Amino acid sequence: MLAHLVTGLRLHGRNKLALLYSYLFPTLFLLAFWVLYRYDQVPLVRHLGELLTVTVLGGACFGLPTTLVSERERGVWRRYRLAPVPTAALLASTLVARYLLLLLAGLLQVALALGLGMPWPRHPLDLFLAFTAVAIAFLGLGLVIAMLANTVPAVQALGQCLFLPLLIVGGIAVPLARLPPWAQDVAAFFPGRYAVAAIDAAVLGPGLAAAGFSVLALLTIGVAAGLAGTQLFRWDPQQRLPVGAGTAWVAVALAAWVSVGLAAHRRDDRGRATPAPTLATAEPAPPPSAPPTTTTTVAQDSPRPAPTAVVPDARVPAASAQATDRPKAPPPAGESPPAKPPAVALPPMPASWRAVTMEQIDRDLRFDRLPPDGGVVSPIAPADEDPDTDLANHLDFIASTLTQWKPAQVADPVQRVRNVLFVAAVPDVFQMEPLERFIPRVVFEHLRQNVPKEDLAKILYWIALHPAQGDDSAVDDLRVFRLGNGPSDIEQTRERVALYAVKLLGRITGKIP
């Protein structure tokens, strides 16, 4: 077994094409991520999970099965069959050799990322364990591909059928928060999202203790696929898979994916880093005889961190809204049409921000369903957490620049506050970790010092309920803060402004401790 392992490593070292795919491809991917996320305050640290997962996935979908199938076509495995070595030992040594090659490629990526400015992972040992769990999951998948494919072109076809969906929809190359809701649901059945979550927990988070489900999901998928691949093993290309047994073992491998996805849905763990509860206005309860009323929404009630449309003026009875949206069915013959429900008198909206009262703030805003400060959407670092020296210097620079920034000195007080909130919203949209968590504290302190408390509360309420109003040109004047200009999705940025407005409002009114 050891001799077979050494032979496999030597043969890989002599294959120039294999070396190209194993090491040049991950390097190009790393450089592409570095360019795409150049606005990150800390280079690549938030994307190392994606990069390492792509490396393992490429080796599983193409490297391992291509090697096995090509050796089978050349009759190499037929010769191994004559050796007094169990089949499981030969397969184990092949998988271990591929794992060592993937580990070497992963170390190369980490070294290059460190050279580009990425800090050391918080939990190096956990990162090694997470990488091993990811390798187990995807190498088992590669083994199944090798047993199903008869030729190398078939391997490439099957590999592409798995590689691209996992890359795009599976939460690897595209972060889950940026996927549409249906894709986030589908990603729960794919191992890629658990691979990224496990590695990110070791690189950025508290370690694998917080990613136990992801590790268990990877091991479940890997063990099931490895068992199926071992049972489907073929010594030569003329050997065909039995129809019944082959289908059954493939079903075993797929059943692991399905069971993991169903378990994830039951846990309400659909690939989101944090839930993003809603911020919704609630009208006073109508009398028992009146129909229910709709609520004014600042952020849609969705468990996903992706921002949603703002509907600040939807203050009409639900029954009336339904009546305008659906065609009315004619009443049955002989029956009179149903009586229209009585109209419900709704409290009027303030005519301007100066007319806002505390009663309206208490009535229209919900402070208990905001995205958590420790989440992905509108994060805020706790008061007892101190930034490192470089970050503290950048925050001091931002604080001093705010006092001279022209958009923060415009005559309109609402626009002035809105412009300052853009300084916190844009890093949040760009996910500029860790700056995005600390900069709201600087922005909040600036607003507290420069806007009277009573006026600030009214203005923040007005911005929260009218996020689409006002001018947004300030997002293109952020280079003075060393942030880069604003994102193209201005609607998303405006919604983050509304969330930060409510979070600050809750703090100055005592609604949020």
Protein backbone atom coordinates (compact mmCIF):
# COMPACT_ATOMS: atom_id res chain seq x y z
CA MET A 1 0.00 0.00 0.00
CA LEU A 2 2.81 2.43 0.87
CA ALA A 3 4.64 1.55 -2.35
CA HIS A 4 1.48 2.22 -4.34
CA LEU A 5 1.10 5.57 -2.57
CA VAL A 6 4.67 6.61 -3.41
CA THR A 7 4.26 5.46 -7.02
CA GLY A 8 1.10 7.49 -7.42
CA LEU A 9 2.83 10.64 -6.14
CA ARG A 10 5.79 10.10 -8.48
CA LEU A 11 3.57 9.60 -11.50
CA HIS A 12 1.67 12.76 -10.66
CA GLY A 13 4.92 14.72 -10.48
CA ARG A 14 5.87 13.57 -13.97
CA ASN A 15 2.53 14.60 -15.51
CA LYS A 16 2.91 18.21 -16.64
CA LEU A 17 -0.78 18.59 -17.45
CA ALA A 18 -1.75 17.31 -14.02
CA LEU A 19 0.62 19.76 -12.38
CA LEU A 20 -0.90 22.55 -14.46
CA TYR A 21 -4.43 21.78 -13.29
CA SER A 22 -3.39 21.07 -9.69
CA TYR A 23 -1.39 24.23 -9.00
CA LEU A 24 -1.75 26.83 -11.76
CA PHE A 25 -5.56 26.67 -11.80
CA PRO A 26 -5.92 27.36 -8.03
CA THR A 27 -3.38 30.17 -8.30
CA LEU A 28 -5.31 31.86 -11.11
CA PHE A 29 -8.51 31.50 -9.12
CA LEU A 30 -6.86 33.16 -6.12
CA LEU A 31 -5.65 36.08 -8.24
CA ALA A 32 -9.12 36.47 -9.75
CA PHE A 33 -10.68 36.67 -6.27
CA TRP A 34 -8.03 39.17 -5.24
CA VAL A 35 -9.02 41.42 -8.13
CA LEU A 36 -12.78 40.97 -7.68
CA TYR A 37 -12.70 41.77 -3.97
CA ARG A 38 -10.04 44.46 -4.09
CA TYR A 39 -12.17 46.72 -1.88
CA ASP A 40 -11.83 44.36 1.08
CA GLN A 41 -9.98 45.99 3.94
CA VAL A 42 -8.24 42.67 4.70
CA PRO A 43 -7.29 40.87 1.45
CA LEU A 44 -8.86 37.46 0.74
CA VAL A 45 -9.54 36.51 4.36
CA ARG A 46 -13.30 36.35 3.78
CA HIS A 47 -12.90 34.24 0.65
CA LEU A 48 -10.35 31.63 1.68
CA GLY A 49 -13.13 29.11 2.25
CA GLU A 50 -14.35 29.58 -1.29
CA LEU A 51 -10.84 29.33 -2.74
CA LEU A 52 -9.86 26.17 -0.89
CA THR A 53 -13.19 24.56 -1.70
CA VAL A 54 -12.69 25.26 -5.41
CA THR A 55 -9.25 23.65 -5.19
CA VAL A 56 -10.62 20.48 -3.62
CA LEU A 57 -13.62 20.41 -5.94
CA GLY A 58 -11.41 20.62 -9.02
CA GLY A 59 -9.25 17.77 -7.79
CA ALA A 60 -12.33 15.68 -7.04
CA CYS A 61 -14.32 16.31 -10.22
CA PHE A 62 -11.38 16.09 -12.61
CA GLY A 63 -8.04 15.09 -11.06
CA LEU A 64 -8.95 11.89 -9.20
CA PRO A 65 -11.47 10.38 -11.66
CA THR A 66 -9.32 11.25 -14.69
CA THR A 67 -6.35 9.43 -13.14
CA LEU A 68 -8.39 6.37 -12.19
CA VAL A 69 -10.20 6.07 -15.53
CA SER A 70 -7.07 6.62 -17.63
CA GLU A 71 -5.20 3.96 -15.63
CA ARG A 72 -8.13 1.59 -16.04
CA GLU A 73 -8.18 2.18 -19.79
CA ARG A 74 -4.46 1.42 -20.02
CA GLY A 75 -4.89 -1.83 -18.09
CA VAL A 76 -2.96 -0.67 -15.01
CA TRP A 77 -5.66 -1.73 -12.59
CA ARG A 78 -5.94 -5.12 -14.26
CA ARG A 79 -2.31 -5.71 -13.29
CA TYR A 80 -2.94 -4.47 -9.74
CA ARG A 81 -5.61 -7.14 -9.48
CA LEU A 82 -2.91 -9.83 -9.59
CA ALA A 83 -1.13 -8.35 -6.57
CA PRO A 84 -1.87 -9.91 -3.15
CA VAL A 85 -3.33 -6.61 -1.89
CA PRO A 86 -6.97 -6.01 -0.98
CA THR A 87 -8.94 -3.75 -3.28
CA ALA A 88 -9.79 -1.44 -0.40
CA ALA A 89 -6.08 -0.94 0.34
CA LEU A 90 -5.35 0.04 -3.26
CA LEU A 91 -8.24 2.49 -3.32
CA ALA A 92 -7.24 3.89 0.07
CA SER A 93 -3.68 4.56 -1.07
CA THR A 94 -5.01 6.27 -4.22
CA LEU A 95 -7.28 8.50 -2.16
CA VAL A 96 -4.51 9.31 0.34
CA ALA A 97 -2.17 10.26 -2.51
CA ARG A 98 -4.80 12.57 -3.97
CA TYR A 99 -5.47 14.05 -0.52
CA LEU A 100 -1.77 14.86 -0.08
CA LEU A 101 -1.75 16.55 -3.49
CA LEU A 102 -4.79 18.61 -2.57
CA LEU A 103 -3.22 19.50 0.76
CA LEU A 104 -0.10 20.73 -1.03
CA ALA A 105 -2.22 22.84 -3.39
CA GLY A 106 -4.15 24.25 -0.41
CA LEU A 107 -0.92 25.18 1.39
CA LEU A 108 0.24 26.92 -1.77
CA GLN A 109 -2.96 28.98 -1.88
CA VAL A 110 -2.69 29.93 1.79
CA ALA A 111 0.95 30.95 1.33
CA LEU A 112 0.08 33.13 -1.68
CA ALA A 113 -2.82 34.71 0.20
CA LEU A 114 -0.54 35.50 3.13
CA GLY A 115 1.91 37.06 0.69
CA LEU A 116 -0.90 39.28 -0.63
CA GLY A 117 -1.64 40.62 2.84
CA MET A 118 -4.05 38.12 4.36
CA PRO A 119 -3.50 37.59 8.12
CA TRP A 120 -2.95 34.18 9.64
CA PRO A 121 -6.13 32.11 10.15
CA ARG A 122 -7.47 32.31 13.67
CA HIS A 123 -7.52 28.52 14.15
CA PRO A 124 -4.83 26.82 12.00
CA LEU A 125 -5.48 23.35 13.42
CA ASP A 126 -9.21 23.71 12.85
CA LEU A 127 -8.45 24.85 9.31
CA PHE A 128 -6.50 21.65 8.70
CA LEU A 129 -9.36 19.55 10.09
CA ALA A 130 -11.94 21.45 8.07
CA PHE A 131 -9.89 21.04 4.89
CA THR A 132 -9.64 17.30 5.61
CA ALA A 133 -13.42 17.02 6.01
CA VAL A 134 -13.92 18.89 2.72
CA ALA A 135 -11.44 16.57 1.00
CA ILE A 136 -13.24 13.48 2.33
CA ALA A 137 -16.57 14.72 0.97
CA PHE A 138 -15.35 15.61 -2.51
CA LEU A 139 -12.91 12.73 -2.97
CA GLY A 140 -15.77 10.35 -2.29
CA LEU A 141 -17.68 12.18 -5.01
CA GLY A 142 -14.72 11.83 -7.37
CA LEU A 143 -14.54 8.11 -6.71
CA VAL A 144 -18.19 7.70 -7.73
CA ILE A 145 -17.56 9.69 -10.93
CA ALA A 146 -14.59 7.45 -11.77
CA MET A 147 -16.68 4.31 -11.37
CA LEU A 148 -19.59 5.62 -13.46
CA ALA A 149 -17.48 6.95 -16.35
CA ASN A 150 -16.10 4.55 -18.95
CA THR A 151 -13.71 6.98 -20.66
CA VAL A 152 -11.78 10.14 -19.84
CA PRO A 153 -14.14 12.32 -21.97
CA ALA A 154 -17.02 10.89 -19.97
CA VAL A 155 -15.22 11.95 -16.78
CA GLN A 156 -14.92 15.48 -18.11
CA ALA A 157 -18.60 15.57 -19.01
CA LEU A 158 -19.75 14.26 -15.63
CA GLY A 159 -17.29 16.51 -13.84
CA GLN A 160 -18.59 19.61 -15.59
CA CYS A 161 -22.18 18.65 -14.79
CA LEU A 162 -21.29 18.71 -11.10
CA PHE A 163 -18.55 21.33 -11.01
CA LEU A 164 -20.49 24.24 -12.50
CA PRO A 165 -23.72 23.88 -10.44
CA LEU A 166 -21.71 23.45 -7.25
CA LEU A 167 -19.62 26.47 -8.15
CA ILE A 168 -22.45 28.83 -9.06
CA VAL A 169 -25.52 27.66 -7.14
CA GLY A 170 -23.85 25.66 -4.39
CA GLY A 171 -22.54 28.62 -2.41
CA ILE A 172 -18.86 28.33 -3.46
CA ALA A 173 -17.95 30.98 -6.04
CA VAL A 174 -21.05 33.10 -5.33
CA PRO A 175 -21.73 33.86 -1.63
CA LEU A 176 -25.05 32.50 -0.39
CA ALA A 177 -26.25 35.95 0.65
CA ARG A 178 -26.11 37.06 -2.99
CA LEU A 179 -28.07 34.12 -4.36
CA PRO A 180 -31.82 34.31 -4.96
CA PRO A 181 -34.04 32.56 -2.38
CA TRP A 182 -34.63 29.47 -4.51
CA ALA A 183 -30.89 28.99 -4.99
CA GLN A 184 -30.29 29.24 -1.25
CA ASP A 185 -32.84 26.49 -0.74
CA VAL A 186 -31.15 24.30 -3.36
CA ALA A 187 -27.69 24.98 -1.90
CA ALA A 188 -28.74 23.26 1.32
CA PHE A 189 -28.53 19.93 -0.56
CA PHE A 190 -25.04 20.62 -1.95
CA PRO A 191 -21.81 19.93 -0.03
CA GLY A 192 -20.16 23.12 -1.26
CA ARG A 193 -21.93 25.42 1.15
CA TYR A 194 -20.91 23.24 4.12
CA ALA A 195 -17.32 23.19 2.90
CA VAL A 196 -17.17 26.99 2.76
CA ALA A 197 -18.89 27.32 6.14
CA ALA A 198 -16.47 24.91 7.86
CA ILE A 199 -13.34 26.57 6.47
CA ASP A 200 -14.63 30.08 7.17
CA ALA A 201 -15.35 29.11 10.78
CA ALA A 202 -11.69 28.14 11.16
CA VAL A 203 -10.32 31.17 9.32
CA LEU A 204 -12.61 33.93 10.61
CA GLY A 205 -14.91 32.57 13.28
CA PRO A 206 -14.75 30.80 16.62
CA GLY A 207 -13.52 27.52 15.14
CA LEU A 208 -15.06 24.20 14.16
CA ALA A 209 -17.04 24.05 17.39
CA ALA A 210 -19.43 26.53 15.77
CA ALA A 211 -19.58 24.56 12.49
CA GLY A 212 -20.38 21.11 13.82
CA PHE A 213 -23.32 20.58 11.50
CA SER A 214 -21.26 21.51 8.44
CA VAL A 215 -18.48 19.08 9.38
CA LEU A 216 -21.00 16.31 10.06
CA ALA A 217 -22.67 16.99 6.71
CA LEU A 218 -19.34 16.74 4.87
CA LEU A 219 -18.39 13.50 6.58
CA THR A 220 -21.83 12.00 5.92
CA ILE A 221 -21.62 12.85 2.21
CA GLY A 222 -18.01 11.64 1.95
CA VAL A 223 -18.53 8.32 3.73
CA ALA A 224 -21.67 7.52 1.72
CA ALA A 225 -19.95 8.38 -1.58
CA GLY A 226 -16.80 6.47 -0.63
CA LEU A 227 -18.83 3.38 0.25
CA ALA A 228 -20.77 3.61 -3.01
CA GLY A 229 -17.60 4.12 -5.05
CA THR A 230 -15.91 1.12 -3.43
CA GLN A 231 -18.88 -1.12 -4.19
CA LEU A 232 -18.99 0.11 -7.80
CA PHE A 233 -15.26 -0.43 -8.37
CA ARG A 234 -14.28 -1.89 -11.76
CA TRP A 235 -10.87 -3.37 -12.70
CA ASP A 236 -11.06 -2.89 -16.47
CA PRO A 237 -13.15 -0.86 -18.95
CA GLN A 238 -14.92 -3.95 -20.37
CA GLN A 239 -16.47 -4.65 -16.98
CA ARG A 240 -19.96 -3.17 -16.82
CA LEU A 241 -21.92 -2.10 -13.82
CA PRO A 242 -24.88 -4.30 -12.90
CA VAL A 243 -27.99 -2.26 -13.51
CA GLY A 244 -29.76 -2.96 -10.22
CA ALA A 245 -26.76 -2.85 -7.89
CA GLY A 246 -25.22 0.15 -9.66
CA THR A 247 -28.39 2.18 -9.37
CA ALA A 248 -28.80 1.23 -5.71
CA TRP A 249 -25.31 2.37 -4.73
CA VAL A 250 -25.64 5.63 -6.64
CA ALA A 251 -28.90 6.14 -4.75
CA VAL A 252 -27.00 5.64 -1.49
CA ALA A 253 -24.58 8.44 -2.40
CA LEU A 254 -27.42 10.77 -3.42
CA ALA A 255 -29.43 9.90 -0.32
CA ALA A 256 -26.70 11.44 1.81
CA TRP A 257 -27.08 14.74 -0.07
CA VAL A 258 -30.85 14.64 0.35
CA SER A 259 -30.73 13.77 4.05
CA VAL A 260 -28.24 16.56 4.76
CA GLY A 261 -30.37 19.07 2.86
CA LEU A 262 -33.54 18.07 4.69
CA ALA A 263 -31.74 18.25 8.03
CA ALA A 264 -30.47 21.72 7.15
CA HIS A 265 -33.97 22.89 6.31
CA ARG A 266 -35.31 21.47 9.55
CA ARG A 267 -32.66 23.42 11.43
CA ASP A 268 -33.58 26.54 9.47
CA ASP A 269 -29.92 26.61 8.43
CA ARG A 270 -30.18 27.44 4.74
CA GLY A 271 -26.61 28.64 4.15
CA ARG A 272 -27.19 32.01 5.80
CA ALA A 273 -24.45 33.42 7.96
CA THR A 274 -27.15 35.17 10.03
CA PRO A 275 -30.92 35.57 9.85
CA ALA A 276 -32.02 38.96 8.70
CA PRO A 277 -35.29 39.57 10.50
CA THR A 278 -37.55 42.32 9.35
CA LEU A 279 -37.90 45.84 10.36
CA ALA A 280 -41.59 46.48 9.95
CA THR A 281 -43.95 49.10 11.10
CA ALA A 282 -47.00 47.85 12.87
CA GLU A 283 -50.33 49.70 12.89
CA PRO A 284 -52.46 49.74 16.02
CA ALA A 285 -54.66 46.71 16.37
CA PRO A 286 -58.02 47.24 14.67
CA PRO A 287 -61.27 46.57 16.48
CA PRO A 288 -62.52 42.95 16.37
CA SER A 289 -65.01 43.66 13.60
CA ALA A 290 -62.51 45.36 11.34
CA PRO A 291 -60.39 43.53 8.79
CA PRO A 292 -56.65 43.17 9.43
CA THR A 293 -54.34 45.84 8.10
CA THR A 294 -51.11 45.52 6.26
CA THR A 295 -47.88 46.79 7.77
CA THR A 296 -45.40 49.30 6.51
CA THR A 297 -42.23 47.41 5.69
CA VAL A 298 -38.70 48.72 5.75
CA ALA A 299 -37.14 45.33 5.15
CA GLN A 300 -39.06 42.29 3.95
CA ASP A 301 -39.67 39.46 6.42
CA SER A 302 -37.19 37.00 4.99
CA PRO A 303 -34.74 34.72 6.79
CA ARG A 304 -32.03 35.48 4.27
CA PRO A 305 -29.47 38.22 4.62
CA ALA A 306 -30.12 39.56 1.13
CA PRO A 307 -31.75 43.02 1.29
CA THR A 308 -35.31 43.40 0.17
CA ALA A 309 -37.50 46.04 -1.32
CA VAL A 310 -38.81 48.81 0.89
CA VAL A 311 -42.50 49.62 0.85
CA PRO A 312 -42.86 52.55 3.21
CA ASP A 313 -46.38 53.66 2.34
CA ALA A 314 -48.39 50.42 2.19
CA ARG A 315 -50.95 51.65 4.69
CA VAL A 316 -54.18 50.20 3.25
CA PRO A 317 -56.48 47.52 4.62
CA ALA A 318 -55.53 44.05 3.47
CA ALA A 319 -59.04 43.37 2.22
CA SER A 320 -58.90 46.41 -0.03
CA ALA A 321 -55.52 45.42 -1.40
CA GLN A 322 -56.77 41.95 -2.21
CA ALA A 323 -59.80 43.41 -3.93
CA THR A 324 -57.65 45.44 -6.28
CA ASP A 325 -55.30 42.56 -7.06
CA ARG A 326 -57.80 39.86 -7.96
CA PRO A 327 -60.79 39.82 -10.29
CA LYS A 328 -64.04 39.51 -8.37
CA ALA A 329 -65.98 36.29 -8.85
CA PRO A 330 -69.70 36.85 -9.53
CA PRO A 331 -72.01 35.71 -6.70
CA PRO A 332 -74.01 32.51 -7.21
CA ALA A 333 -77.43 32.83 -8.79
CA GLY A 334 -80.05 33.92 -6.32
CA GLU A 335 -77.59 35.32 -3.82
CA SER A 336 -76.83 38.93 -3.16
CA PRO A 337 -73.22 40.07 -3.33
CA PRO A 338 -71.39 40.19 0.00
CA ALA A 339 -71.29 43.47 1.82
CA LYS A 340 -68.10 45.45 1.59
CA PRO A 341 -66.03 45.47 4.78
CA PRO A 342 -66.07 48.76 6.67
CA ALA A 343 -63.17 51.10 6.03
CA VAL A 344 -60.50 51.30 8.68
CA ALA A 345 -59.21 54.70 9.70
CA LEU A 346 -55.42 54.63 9.82
CA PRO A 347 -53.31 57.14 11.71
CA PRO A 348 -51.92 59.76 9.34
CA MET A 349 -48.26 59.88 8.42
CA PRO A 350 -46.36 62.99 9.50
CA ALA A 351 -46.22 65.67 6.83
CA SER A 352 -42.48 66.25 7.32
CA TRP A 353 -39.66 65.10 9.53
CA ARG A 354 -40.22 68.04 11.88
CA ALA A 355 -43.75 66.79 12.63
CA VAL A 356 -42.58 63.34 13.79
CA THR A 357 -43.52 62.44 17.38
CA MET A 358 -42.29 59.73 19.75
CA GLU A 359 -45.73 58.16 19.57
CA GLN A 360 -45.27 57.68 15.83
CA ILE A 361 -41.80 56.24 16.34
CA ASP A 362 -43.15 53.73 18.87
CA ARG A 363 -46.10 52.92 16.63
CA ASP A 364 -44.37 52.52 13.28
CA LEU A 365 -40.97 50.95 13.98
CA ARG A 366 -39.99 47.54 15.28
CA PHE A 367 -36.65 47.40 17.10
CA ASP A 368 -36.85 43.74 18.15
CA ARG A 369 -36.62 42.26 14.63
CA LEU A 370 -33.53 43.98 13.29
CA PRO A 371 -30.61 41.99 11.84
CA PRO A 372 -28.25 41.21 14.74
CA ASP A 373 -25.22 43.42 15.20
CA GLY A 374 -22.97 40.37 14.88
CA GLY A 375 -24.45 39.24 11.57
CA VAL A 376 -23.65 39.88 7.93
CA VAL A 377 -26.25 42.58 7.28
CA SER A 378 -25.68 45.96 9.01
CA PRO A 379 -23.06 44.65 11.48
CA ILE A 380 -21.86 46.78 14.40
CA ALA A 381 -18.90 45.87 16.58
CA PRO A 382 -19.66 45.74 20.33
CA ALA A 383 -18.46 48.66 22.43
CA ASP A 384 -15.96 46.50 24.34
CA GLU A 385 -14.22 45.24 21.17
CA ASP A 386 -11.14 47.24 20.24
CA PRO A 387 -9.81 47.36 16.65
CA ASP A 388 -6.18 46.61 15.93
CA THR A 389 -3.72 49.45 15.48
CA ASP A 390 -3.99 49.78 11.69
CA LEU A 391 -7.77 49.67 11.76
CA ALA A 392 -7.92 52.16 14.63
CA ASN A 393 -5.78 54.57 12.62
CA HIS A 394 -8.09 54.21 9.62
CA LEU A 395 -11.14 54.85 11.83
CA ASP A 396 -9.53 57.98 13.28
CA PHE A 397 -8.83 59.15 9.75
CA ILE A 398 -12.48 58.60 8.78
CA ALA A 399 -13.70 60.46 11.87
CA SER A 400 -11.51 63.48 11.13
CA THR A 401 -12.41 63.47 7.43
CA LEU A 402 -16.15 63.41 8.22
CA THR A 403 -15.90 66.81 9.87
CA GLN A 404 -14.69 68.33 6.58
CA TRP A 405 -16.60 66.16 4.09
CA LYS A 406 -18.83 68.39 1.94
CA PRO A 407 -21.81 65.96 1.75
CA ALA A 408 -21.85 66.00 5.58
CA GLN A 409 -22.29 69.79 5.52
CA VAL A 410 -25.20 70.25 3.11
CA ALA A 411 -28.00 72.57 4.20
CA ASP A 412 -30.81 69.99 4.26
CA PRO A 413 -30.52 68.17 7.63
CA VAL A 414 -32.20 65.00 6.33
CA GLN A 415 -29.85 64.79 3.35
CA ARG A 416 -26.91 65.54 5.62
CA VAL A 417 -27.71 62.60 7.91
CA ARG A 418 -28.45 60.36 4.93
CA ASN A 419 -25.06 61.17 3.41
CA VAL A 420 -23.24 60.31 6.63
CA LEU A 421 -25.11 57.01 6.90
CA PHE A 422 -23.88 56.15 3.40
CA VAL A 423 -20.38 56.02 4.87
CA ALA A 424 -21.49 53.06 7.00
CA ALA A 425 -23.74 51.45 4.39
CA VAL A 426 -21.23 51.19 1.53
CA PRO A 427 -18.59 49.14 3.45
CA ASP A 428 -21.45 46.89 4.59
CA VAL A 429 -22.53 46.25 0.98
CA PHE A 430 -18.90 45.67 -0.06
CA GLN A 431 -18.43 43.36 2.99
CA MET A 432 -15.22 45.17 3.94
CA GLU A 433 -14.46 43.06 7.02
CA PRO A 434 -13.51 44.11 9.68
CA LEU A 435 -13.97 47.79 8.80
CA GLU A 436 -17.69 47.35 8.15
CA ARG A 437 -18.28 46.41 11.80
CA PHE A 438 -16.41 49.36 13.34
CA ILE A 439 -17.26 52.21 11.00
CA PRO A 440 -20.92 52.49 12.18
CA ARG A 441 -19.60 53.44 15.63
CA VAL A 442 -17.68 56.35 14.06
CA VAL A 443 -20.71 57.40 12.00
CA PHE A 444 -23.07 57.22 14.99
CA GLU A 445 -20.73 59.27 17.16
CA HIS A 446 -20.39 61.91 14.44
CA LEU A 447 -24.17 62.24 14.15
CA ARG A 448 -24.65 62.43 17.91
CA GLN A 449 -22.15 65.26 18.18
CA ASN A 450 -23.35 67.29 15.21
CA VAL A 451 -27.14 66.89 15.21
CA PRO A 452 -29.39 67.77 18.18
CA LYS A 453 -30.79 64.61 19.77
CA GLU A 454 -34.44 65.50 19.26
CA ASP A 455 -33.92 66.42 15.61
CA LEU A 456 -31.73 63.36 15.01
CA ALA A 457 -34.45 61.00 16.23
CA LYS A 458 -37.01 62.56 13.90
CA ILE A 459 -34.63 62.54 10.93
CA LEU A 460 -33.67 58.90 11.46
CA TYR A 461 -37.34 57.92 11.60
CA TRP A 462 -37.96 59.82 8.38
CA ILE A 463 -35.02 58.14 6.60
CA ALA A 464 -36.11 54.70 7.81
CA LEU A 465 -39.60 55.13 6.33
CA HIS A 466 -38.42 56.91 3.18
CA PRO A 467 -35.22 55.15 2.10
CA ALA A 468 -35.85 55.83 -1.60
CA GLN A 469 -35.98 59.59 -1.17
CA GLY A 470 -33.11 62.03 -1.26
CA ASP A 471 -29.93 62.27 -3.28
CA ASP A 472 -27.46 59.38 -3.44
CA SER A 473 -24.54 61.08 -5.18
CA ALA A 474 -22.54 60.96 -1.93
CA VAL A 475 -21.77 57.27 -2.52
CA ASP A 476 -19.52 58.35 -5.39
CA ASP A 477 -17.52 60.65 -3.12
CA LEU A 478 -16.13 58.09 -0.67
CA ARG A 479 -12.57 57.82 -1.94
CA VAL A 480 -11.60 60.52 0.52
CA PHE A 481 -12.24 57.91 3.24
CA ARG A 482 -10.12 55.30 1.39
CA LEU A 483 -13.26 53.24 0.87
CA GLY A 484 -13.73 53.33 -2.90
CA ASN A 485 -16.82 54.68 -4.54
CA GLY A 486 -20.24 53.22 -3.97
CA PRO A 487 -21.65 49.99 -5.45
CA SER A 488 -23.81 49.84 -8.54
CA ASP A 489 -26.80 48.47 -6.58
CA ILE A 490 -27.92 51.73 -5.02
CA GLU A 491 -31.22 50.23 -3.87
CA GLN A 492 -29.36 47.76 -1.67
CA THR A 493 -27.23 50.59 -0.29
CA ARG A 494 -30.29 52.68 0.52
CA GLU A 495 -31.82 49.77 2.42
CA ARG A 496 -28.67 49.41 4.50
CA VAL A 497 -28.93 53.14 5.25
CA ALA A 498 -32.48 52.55 6.51
CA LEU A 499 -31.32 49.69 8.74
CA TYR A 500 -28.50 51.74 10.25
CA ALA A 501 -30.92 54.63 10.76
CA VAL A 502 -33.20 52.43 12.86
CA LYS A 503 -30.29 50.93 14.79
CA LEU A 504 -29.02 54.41 15.72
CA LEU A 505 -32.55 55.57 16.49
CA GLY A 506 -33.01 52.63 18.84
CA ARG A 507 -29.80 53.55 20.65
CA ILE A 508 -30.57 57.23 21.17
CA THR A 509 -34.14 56.50 22.32
CA GLY A 510 -33.19 53.65 24.61
CA LYS A 511 -35.07 51.02 22.58
CA ILE A 512 -31.79 49.19 21.90
CA PRO A 513 -29.37 48.79 24.83
